[in-house]
Amino acid sequence: MKAFNTHRKNVVPGKRFQKYVLYAIGEIILVVVGILIALQVNSCAEERANSKEVDQIFEVVVADLKADKRDINIILTEYEKREKYFDRVLAENPVRDSLKNCEGCRKIFTNLKTATLRRKGSNLLKKHSNVPKQKAEMVQQINSFYTTMDSFLPQIKQTITDNILSNVKYMRDNFDWFADFSTHKICNSDCRSYFEGDGSNYKNLIAYLHIFVYENYLPQLKTYKTEATQLIKEIENSKTE
């Protein structure tokens, strides 16, 4: 009997210890679960804030694209008006009198505009390293759009600019009448002979410029405008999801 009582006393503390261990484990589990919940809540909050920041950058991208489209429309309209001067100079058998009074034919190289396309939103996206998963596809699409457009538009724009500067420098360095023509819009007989004469290389220079402007640059601007319109729709749709 005495031995039984001794054994019972040894067992009871053991049961209490087990209860303490189970209680401690339960407390640890509760703490861990609490930490995990807090981290999840914090992660969700950060993701919402990050998503909102990306949406704000999307708004900048849309503003860039809309401004680009307005500028492109202005340029397309301007070149449409100027095309008649190209056509008169490049006519197969230009009538001398028709070029004689064609002041616009002499000014093809002046005031030619090219588009300076905006990249503020695109640059902000490139600097934003932590893109939410639900925005990643749209960001990739935007980056792909600008990469494609930047692969040809800047080059053709630079070619046109270089061509214009080269031709203006040629006239500056080779013709005495250039100063009066460029500054005071005075075109004397030698000046008119250059622009109107059948033997002048002016027609060749205009033909070369026409290739870059009307057969390359303007079609590319139209492509940019079309693609930008579609991209704007997709960006705005992604923000409402």
Foldseek 3Di string as FASTA:
>chain_A
DVVVVVVVVVVVVVVVVVVVVVVVVVVVVVVVVVVVVVVVVVVVVVQVVLQVVLLVLLVVVLVLLVVQLVVLVVLVVVVVVLVVLLCQLQPPDHDLVVQLPCLSVLCPLPPRDDGDGDCPSVVVLVVSDDHDPLCVVLNVVVNVLVVVLVVPQVVLVVVLVVLSVVVLVVCVVPDPCSVCCVPVVDQDPVNSCQSRPPPHCSSVSSVVSCCSVVVPNSVSSVVSSVVSVVSSVVSVVSVVD
